[in-house]
Amino acid sequence: GRSPDLTRRRWVVGLSLIGAAMAQAVTLYQTGIIRRLPDPPLPGIDSNKVDASDYAYKRMQTPDGLIMLANYAATAWLAGSGGRDRARSHPILPIATALKAIADSAVALKLAREEWGENRALCAYCQVATACSLASAALALPEAASAARNLLGSSDTAADSSPAGLVTLK
């Protein structure tokens, strides 16, 4: 199907998969499968230092890349779940997607602050993933707002979407 909500959901899935790809690179390094992460030549960026530090293993005594990978997979799953008109048929899904993307953004920003505080450096891969989370949160909000209106019974009664995705007047 085609609709603005589906387009935004596809973007959230794609951005989540980019976040997951960043997590895969970090995980390959943290588990010793690859020996170093290439970084762009930017001041304050040192992915190898950050991802090998105690900071990167302090949650659940596991490489944080693995946690990051599962997290982005969950966000992609939520964004991909439900049909074309899920804001009406399953309103909890777009609301959950938006809340998850907002939570992802908040956690990523908090972790970036910790990352800098403990290492005086940032992981480039993690910061790309953070940007993906922030964009995903913004993209998920319109559908969540529509779903909330549907849940509260205040949906627009002047227009409705037809099965073909066209707007028709009631």
Protein backbone atom coordinates (compact mmCIF):
# COMPACT_ATOMS: atom_id res chain seq x y z
CA GLY A 1 0.00 0.00 0.00
CA ARG A 2 0.86 3.66 -0.16
CA SER A 3 0.15 6.31 2.41
CA PRO A 4 2.11 8.93 4.34
CA ASP A 5 2.00 6.70 7.44
CA LEU A 6 3.35 3.69 5.54
CA THR A 7 6.11 5.82 4.04
CA ARG A 8 7.13 7.06 7.48
CA ARG A 9 6.97 3.51 8.90
CA ARG A 10 9.21 2.28 6.10
CA TRP A 11 11.69 5.02 6.98
CA VAL A 12 11.60 3.98 10.65
CA VAL A 13 12.28 0.37 9.65
CA GLY A 14 15.14 1.47 7.39
CA LEU A 15 16.64 3.77 10.01
CA SER A 16 16.37 0.99 12.59
CA LEU A 17 18.21 -1.34 10.24
CA ILE A 18 20.96 1.27 9.84
CA GLY A 19 21.13 1.44 13.65
CA ALA A 20 21.33 -2.36 13.70
CA ALA A 21 24.13 -2.29 11.11
CA MET A 22 26.06 0.13 13.34
CA ALA A 23 25.46 -2.25 16.25
CA GLN A 24 26.75 -5.16 14.19
CA ALA A 25 30.00 -3.33 13.43
CA VAL A 26 30.47 -2.48 17.11
CA THR A 27 29.65 -6.06 18.12
CA LEU A 28 32.16 -7.49 15.65
CA TYR A 29 34.83 -5.34 17.27
CA GLN A 30 33.73 -5.93 20.87
CA THR A 31 33.71 -9.69 20.44
CA GLY A 32 37.13 -9.74 18.80
CA ILE A 33 35.96 -10.82 15.36
CA ILE A 34 37.52 -7.71 13.82
CA ARG A 35 40.57 -5.91 15.23
CA ARG A 36 39.60 -2.27 14.74
CA LEU A 37 36.78 0.01 13.69
CA PRO A 38 37.62 2.57 11.04
CA ASP A 39 36.61 6.09 12.06
CA PRO A 40 36.09 9.31 10.16
CA PRO A 41 38.91 11.78 10.87
CA LEU A 42 36.88 13.99 13.21
CA PRO A 43 37.93 15.43 16.55
CA GLY A 44 36.50 13.59 19.54
CA ILE A 45 35.73 10.41 17.59
CA ASP A 46 37.51 7.25 18.74
CA SER A 47 35.23 4.25 18.38
CA ASN A 48 37.98 1.78 19.26
CA LYS A 49 38.71 3.50 22.57
CA VAL A 50 35.05 3.83 23.51
CA ASP A 51 33.97 0.35 22.46
CA ALA A 52 36.87 -1.35 24.26
CA SER A 53 36.42 0.63 27.49
CA ASP A 54 34.84 -0.61 30.71
CA TYR A 55 31.92 1.67 29.84
CA ALA A 56 31.01 -0.52 26.85
CA TYR A 57 30.63 -3.66 28.98
CA LYS A 58 29.12 -2.32 32.19
CA ARG A 59 25.49 -3.20 31.45
CA MET A 60 24.70 -6.85 32.12
CA GLN A 61 28.42 -7.65 31.69
CA THR A 62 27.95 -7.94 27.95
CA PRO A 63 29.17 -5.94 24.96
CA ASP A 64 26.77 -3.06 24.54
CA GLY A 65 26.77 -3.62 20.77
CA LEU A 66 24.73 -6.78 21.33
CA ILE A 67 22.18 -4.85 23.41
CA MET A 68 22.07 -2.15 20.76
CA LEU A 69 21.46 -4.76 18.05
CA ALA A 70 18.47 -6.29 19.88
CA ASN A 71 17.12 -2.83 20.61
CA TYR A 72 17.11 -1.68 16.97
CA ALA A 73 15.60 -5.00 15.87
CA ALA A 74 12.72 -4.45 18.31
CA THR A 75 12.09 -0.95 16.97
CA ALA A 76 12.05 -2.21 13.37
CA TRP A 77 9.67 -4.99 14.38
CA LEU A 78 7.25 -2.55 15.99
CA ALA A 79 7.34 -0.20 13.01
CA GLY A 80 6.76 -3.08 10.60
CA SER A 81 3.90 -4.63 12.56
CA GLY A 82 0.26 -4.13 11.70
CA GLY A 83 -1.51 -3.43 8.48
CA ARG A 84 -1.82 -0.36 6.33
CA ASP A 85 -4.44 1.24 8.59
CA ARG A 86 -3.07 0.18 11.96
CA ALA A 87 -3.69 3.60 13.54
CA ARG A 88 -7.38 2.73 13.30
CA SER A 89 -7.38 -1.08 13.49
CA HIS A 90 -4.55 -1.56 16.05
CA PRO A 91 -3.85 1.87 17.54
CA ILE A 92 -1.60 0.52 20.25
CA LEU A 93 1.04 -0.41 17.63
CA PRO A 94 1.77 3.13 16.34
CA ILE A 95 1.65 4.46 19.89
CA ALA A 96 4.09 1.77 21.03
CA THR A 97 6.34 2.47 18.03
CA ALA A 98 6.49 6.19 18.84
CA LEU A 99 7.08 5.57 22.55
CA LYS A 100 9.83 3.07 21.73
CA ALA A 101 11.52 5.49 19.31
CA ILE A 102 11.29 8.31 21.86
CA ALA A 103 12.73 6.04 24.56
CA ASP A 104 15.49 4.93 22.15
CA SER A 105 16.35 8.59 21.54
CA ALA A 106 16.42 9.47 25.22
CA VAL A 107 18.61 6.47 26.06
CA ALA A 108 20.95 7.14 23.13
CA LEU A 109 21.44 10.76 24.18
CA LYS A 110 22.04 9.70 27.79
CA LEU A 111 24.56 7.09 26.65
CA ALA A 112 26.35 9.60 24.43
CA ARG A 113 26.74 11.86 27.45
CA GLU A 114 28.09 8.95 29.52
CA GLU A 115 30.31 7.85 26.64
CA TRP A 116 31.90 11.28 26.46
CA GLY A 117 32.09 11.66 30.24
CA GLU A 118 33.90 8.38 30.77
CA ASN A 119 36.09 8.34 27.64
CA ARG A 120 36.40 11.93 26.42
CA ALA A 121 35.57 10.43 23.03
CA LEU A 122 32.53 9.29 21.07
CA CYS A 123 31.87 6.17 19.05
CA ALA A 124 31.03 7.26 15.48
CA TYR A 125 28.87 4.18 14.96
CA CYS A 126 26.84 4.86 18.09
CA GLN A 127 26.30 8.47 17.07
CA VAL A 128 24.99 7.43 13.65
CA ALA A 129 22.58 5.13 15.48
CA THR A 130 21.57 8.01 17.78
CA ALA A 131 20.74 10.15 14.74
CA CYS A 132 18.64 7.27 13.39
CA SER A 133 16.74 7.08 16.69
CA LEU A 134 16.04 10.81 16.72
CA ALA A 135 14.77 10.75 13.14
CA SER A 136 12.66 7.66 13.86
CA ALA A 137 10.99 9.34 16.82
CA ALA A 138 10.03 12.33 14.68
CA LEU A 139 8.74 10.07 11.91
CA ALA A 140 6.65 7.91 14.28
CA LEU A 141 4.79 10.79 15.93
CA PRO A 142 2.16 11.61 13.26
CA GLU A 143 0.79 8.07 13.11
CA ALA A 144 0.84 7.81 16.91
CA ALA A 145 -1.13 11.05 17.16
CA SER A 146 -3.70 9.69 14.73
CA ALA A 147 -3.90 6.45 16.71
CA ALA A 148 -4.38 8.38 19.96
CA ARG A 149 -7.20 10.40 18.38
CA ASN A 150 -8.82 7.13 17.26
CA LEU A 151 -8.49 5.65 20.75
CA LEU A 152 -10.03 8.76 22.29
CA GLY A 153 -12.85 8.78 19.77
CA SER A 154 -11.95 12.18 18.35
CA SER A 155 -10.91 11.06 14.88
CA ASP A 156 -11.72 13.28 11.95
CA THR A 157 -15.29 12.52 10.91
CA ALA A 158 -15.14 14.57 7.70
CA ALA A 159 -12.75 12.27 5.88
CA ASP A 160 -11.95 8.59 5.81
CA SER A 161 -9.44 6.45 3.96
CA SER A 162 -10.86 4.03 1.42
CA PRO A 163 -9.37 0.53 1.02
CA ALA A 164 -7.42 1.85 -1.98
CA GLY A 165 -5.82 4.48 0.24
CA LEU A 166 -7.78 7.36 -1.28
CA VAL A 167 -9.43 9.98 0.90
CA THR A 168 -13.20 10.08 0.48
CA LEU A 169 -15.74 12.33 2.13
CA LYS A 170 -18.33 10.77 4.40
